[in-house]
Structures are given as C-alpha cells and as structure tokens.
Amino acid sequence: AVAKKTYAYVKNLDTSNWISLENDAGNIWGRLGPGEFAFFPVGVSVGLEVQADTAACVVEYALFQEP
C-alpha cells in the first residue's frame, strides 16, 4: 500500500504467460498478456500486487510518487 499519490509502470516480460494485477485484498482488476505493459495510478492505501498465472514470470516495474 502507498501513502502518497503513486503511479506504477508494469511490463510483463514473459513470452507466453499472463500476469494478474491485484489490490492488497487480492481482488484482480487487470491482466497483462505476454509483452504487454500498463501505466496507471495506485490508490492511496489500496496497494498493488502482481501474480503470475501458471509459471514464474519476469516483470519490469517502476513506481513514481508525488513529492
């Protein structure tokens, strides 16, 4: 979970498996297929988790917070 307004960049580097984007409660709200990426705001105190579908995946990510 985050305390300040935060933006996340997430890219699924896997070539055959998808990943789920979830909040801290484990609710799935998005899915990235192989090679897909997303840039989105993360709600304050909502959190972000990334879960691989069927096999381990390599994920590239960056978090950007307001000053």
N, C-alpha and C. Protein backbone atom coordinates (compact mmCIF):
# COMPACT_ATOMS: atom_id res chain seq x y z
N ALA A 1 0.84 -1.18 0.00
CA ALA A 1 0.00 0.00 0.00
C ALA A 1 0.88 1.25 0.00
N VAL A 2 0.36 2.32 -0.50
CA VAL A 2 1.12 3.56 -0.59
C VAL A 2 0.44 4.65 0.23
N ALA A 3 1.24 5.61 0.68
CA ALA A 3 0.70 6.72 1.48
C ALA A 3 0.55 7.99 0.66
N LYS A 4 1.28 8.10 -0.45
CA LYS A 4 1.20 9.26 -1.32
C LYS A 4 0.66 8.84 -2.68
N LYS A 5 0.19 9.82 -3.45
CA LYS A 5 -0.27 9.53 -4.80
C LYS A 5 0.90 8.91 -5.56
N THR A 6 0.67 7.73 -6.13
CA THR A 6 1.73 6.97 -6.79
C THR A 6 1.25 6.49 -8.15
N TYR A 7 2.14 6.50 -9.12
CA TYR A 7 1.88 5.93 -10.44
C TYR A 7 2.81 4.74 -10.62
N ALA A 8 2.28 3.68 -11.23
CA ALA A 8 3.07 2.47 -11.45
C ALA A 8 3.16 2.17 -12.93
N TYR A 9 4.33 1.70 -13.33
CA TYR A 9 4.57 1.16 -14.67
C TYR A 9 4.90 -0.31 -14.46
N VAL A 10 4.18 -1.20 -15.15
CA VAL A 10 4.42 -2.63 -15.03
C VAL A 10 4.44 -3.23 -16.44
N LYS A 11 5.48 -4.03 -16.73
CA LYS A 11 5.57 -4.71 -18.02
C LYS A 11 5.82 -6.19 -17.77
N ASN A 12 5.05 -7.02 -18.44
CA ASN A 12 5.21 -8.46 -18.38
C ASN A 12 6.24 -8.86 -19.44
N LEU A 13 7.42 -9.28 -19.02
CA LEU A 13 8.49 -9.65 -19.96
C LEU A 13 8.40 -11.10 -20.42
N ASP A 14 7.47 -11.86 -19.87
CA ASP A 14 7.32 -13.25 -20.27
C ASP A 14 6.79 -13.34 -21.70
N THR A 15 7.13 -14.42 -22.40
CA THR A 15 6.71 -14.56 -23.80
C THR A 15 5.50 -15.45 -23.99
N SER A 16 5.01 -16.10 -22.91
CA SER A 16 3.86 -16.98 -23.10
C SER A 16 2.83 -16.98 -21.96
N ASN A 17 3.13 -16.37 -20.83
CA ASN A 17 2.20 -16.38 -19.69
C ASN A 17 1.72 -14.98 -19.34
N TRP A 18 0.51 -14.88 -18.81
CA TRP A 18 -0.02 -13.59 -18.40
C TRP A 18 0.13 -13.42 -16.89
N ILE A 19 -0.01 -12.18 -16.44
CA ILE A 19 0.05 -11.86 -15.02
C ILE A 19 -1.22 -11.10 -14.63
N SER A 20 -1.60 -11.25 -13.38
CA SER A 20 -2.76 -10.52 -12.84
C SER A 20 -2.28 -9.32 -12.05
N LEU A 21 -3.03 -8.24 -12.13
CA LEU A 21 -2.80 -7.06 -11.31
C LEU A 21 -3.89 -7.07 -10.24
N GLU A 22 -3.48 -6.98 -8.97
CA GLU A 22 -4.42 -7.10 -7.87
C GLU A 22 -4.21 -6.00 -6.84
N ASN A 23 -5.23 -5.75 -6.03
CA ASN A 23 -5.07 -4.84 -4.89
C ASN A 23 -4.61 -5.65 -3.68
N ASP A 24 -4.39 -4.99 -2.55
CA ASP A 24 -3.93 -5.68 -1.34
C ASP A 24 -4.88 -6.77 -0.87
N ALA A 25 -6.15 -6.65 -1.18
CA ALA A 25 -7.14 -7.64 -0.76
C ALA A 25 -7.17 -8.86 -1.68
N GLY A 26 -6.34 -8.84 -2.74
CA GLY A 26 -6.30 -9.96 -3.67
C GLY A 26 -7.34 -9.91 -4.76
N ASN A 27 -8.06 -8.79 -4.89
CA ASN A 27 -9.06 -8.64 -5.95
C ASN A 27 -8.37 -8.32 -7.27
N ILE A 28 -8.59 -9.15 -8.27
CA ILE A 28 -7.99 -8.94 -9.59
C ILE A 28 -8.73 -7.82 -10.30
N TRP A 29 -7.98 -6.83 -10.79
CA TRP A 29 -8.62 -5.73 -11.52
C TRP A 29 -7.99 -5.54 -12.90
N GLY A 30 -6.97 -6.32 -13.23
CA GLY A 30 -6.35 -6.20 -14.54
C GLY A 30 -5.52 -7.42 -14.87
N ARG A 31 -5.19 -7.55 -16.14
CA ARG A 31 -4.38 -8.67 -16.61
C ARG A 31 -3.47 -8.17 -17.73
N LEU A 32 -2.19 -8.56 -17.66
CA LEU A 32 -1.24 -8.22 -18.72
C LEU A 32 -0.78 -9.49 -19.41
N GLY A 33 -1.01 -9.54 -20.72
CA GLY A 33 -0.57 -10.68 -21.51
C GLY A 33 0.93 -10.60 -21.76
N PRO A 34 1.49 -11.61 -22.42
CA PRO A 34 2.91 -11.62 -22.73
C PRO A 34 3.33 -10.35 -23.48
N GLY A 35 4.34 -9.66 -22.96
CA GLY A 35 4.87 -8.46 -23.60
C GLY A 35 4.06 -7.18 -23.38
N GLU A 36 2.91 -7.26 -22.74
CA GLU A 36 2.08 -6.07 -22.52
C GLU A 36 2.58 -5.26 -21.33
N PHE A 37 2.21 -3.97 -21.33
CA PHE A 37 2.59 -3.10 -20.22
C PHE A 37 1.42 -2.20 -19.88
N ALA A 38 1.50 -1.57 -18.69
CA ALA A 38 0.48 -0.63 -18.25
C ALA A 38 1.13 0.46 -17.41
N PHE A 39 0.55 1.64 -17.45
CA PHE A 39 0.95 2.77 -16.62
C PHE A 39 -0.32 3.29 -15.99
N PHE A 40 -0.41 3.29 -14.67
CA PHE A 40 -1.68 3.59 -14.01
C PHE A 40 -1.43 4.16 -12.62
N PRO A 41 -2.42 4.87 -12.05
CA PRO A 41 -2.31 5.36 -10.68
C PRO A 41 -2.65 4.23 -9.69
N VAL A 42 -1.97 4.24 -8.56
CA VAL A 42 -2.26 3.29 -7.48
C VAL A 42 -2.95 4.08 -6.38
N GLY A 43 -4.13 3.66 -6.00
CA GLY A 43 -4.89 4.37 -4.98
C GLY A 43 -4.18 4.37 -3.64
N VAL A 44 -4.27 5.49 -2.93
CA VAL A 44 -3.68 5.61 -1.60
C VAL A 44 -4.31 4.54 -0.70
N SER A 45 -3.49 3.78 -0.01
CA SER A 45 -3.90 2.71 0.91
C SER A 45 -4.61 1.55 0.23
N VAL A 46 -4.55 1.45 -1.09
CA VAL A 46 -5.17 0.34 -1.81
C VAL A 46 -4.14 -0.73 -2.14
N GLY A 47 -2.95 -0.34 -2.52
CA GLY A 47 -1.87 -1.28 -2.78
C GLY A 47 -1.91 -1.91 -4.16
N LEU A 48 -0.84 -2.60 -4.46
CA LEU A 48 -0.68 -3.27 -5.76
C LEU A 48 0.08 -4.55 -5.55
N GLU A 49 -0.43 -5.63 -6.12
CA GLU A 49 0.25 -6.91 -6.13
C GLU A 49 0.20 -7.45 -7.55
N VAL A 50 1.23 -8.18 -7.92
CA VAL A 50 1.30 -8.79 -9.25
C VAL A 50 1.45 -10.29 -9.04
N GLN A 51 0.62 -11.08 -9.74
CA GLN A 51 0.62 -12.53 -9.58
C GLN A 51 0.76 -13.20 -10.93
N ALA A 52 1.73 -14.11 -11.06
CA ALA A 52 1.91 -14.86 -12.30
C ALA A 52 0.76 -15.87 -12.44
N ASP A 53 0.39 -16.21 -13.68
CA ASP A 53 -0.71 -17.13 -13.94
C ASP A 53 -0.30 -18.59 -13.70
N THR A 54 0.47 -19.17 -14.59
CA THR A 54 0.77 -20.60 -14.50
C THR A 54 2.25 -20.90 -14.27
N ALA A 55 3.12 -19.95 -14.52
CA ALA A 55 4.55 -20.16 -14.34
C ALA A 55 5.18 -18.85 -13.88
N ALA A 56 6.38 -18.96 -13.31
CA ALA A 56 7.09 -17.75 -12.87
C ALA A 56 7.31 -16.82 -14.06
N CYS A 57 7.09 -15.53 -13.86
CA CYS A 57 7.27 -14.53 -14.92
C CYS A 57 8.23 -13.45 -14.43
N VAL A 58 8.98 -12.89 -15.36
CA VAL A 58 9.82 -11.74 -15.05
C VAL A 58 9.00 -10.49 -15.35
N VAL A 59 8.97 -9.57 -14.38
CA VAL A 59 8.20 -8.35 -14.51
C VAL A 59 9.12 -7.15 -14.33
N GLU A 60 8.98 -6.18 -15.22
CA GLU A 60 9.71 -4.91 -15.09
C GLU A 60 8.73 -3.91 -14.50
N TYR A 61 9.18 -3.13 -13.51
CA TYR A 61 8.26 -2.16 -12.91
C TYR A 61 9.01 -0.93 -12.41
N ALA A 62 8.27 0.15 -12.28
CA ALA A 62 8.78 1.38 -11.70
C ALA A 62 7.63 2.07 -10.99
N LEU A 63 7.95 2.71 -9.85
CA LEU A 63 6.95 3.46 -9.09
C LEU A 63 7.36 4.92 -9.05
N PHE A 64 6.41 5.81 -9.28
CA PHE A 64 6.65 7.24 -9.28
C PHE A 64 5.72 7.89 -8.27
N GLN A 65 6.27 8.57 -7.26
CA GLN A 65 5.45 9.21 -6.22
C GLN A 65 5.51 10.73 -6.34
N GLU A 66 4.41 11.35 -5.90
CA GLU A 66 4.40 12.80 -5.83
C GLU A 66 5.40 13.23 -4.76
N PRO A 67 5.97 14.41 -4.89
CA PRO A 67 6.96 14.86 -3.90
C PRO A 67 6.35 15.06 -2.53
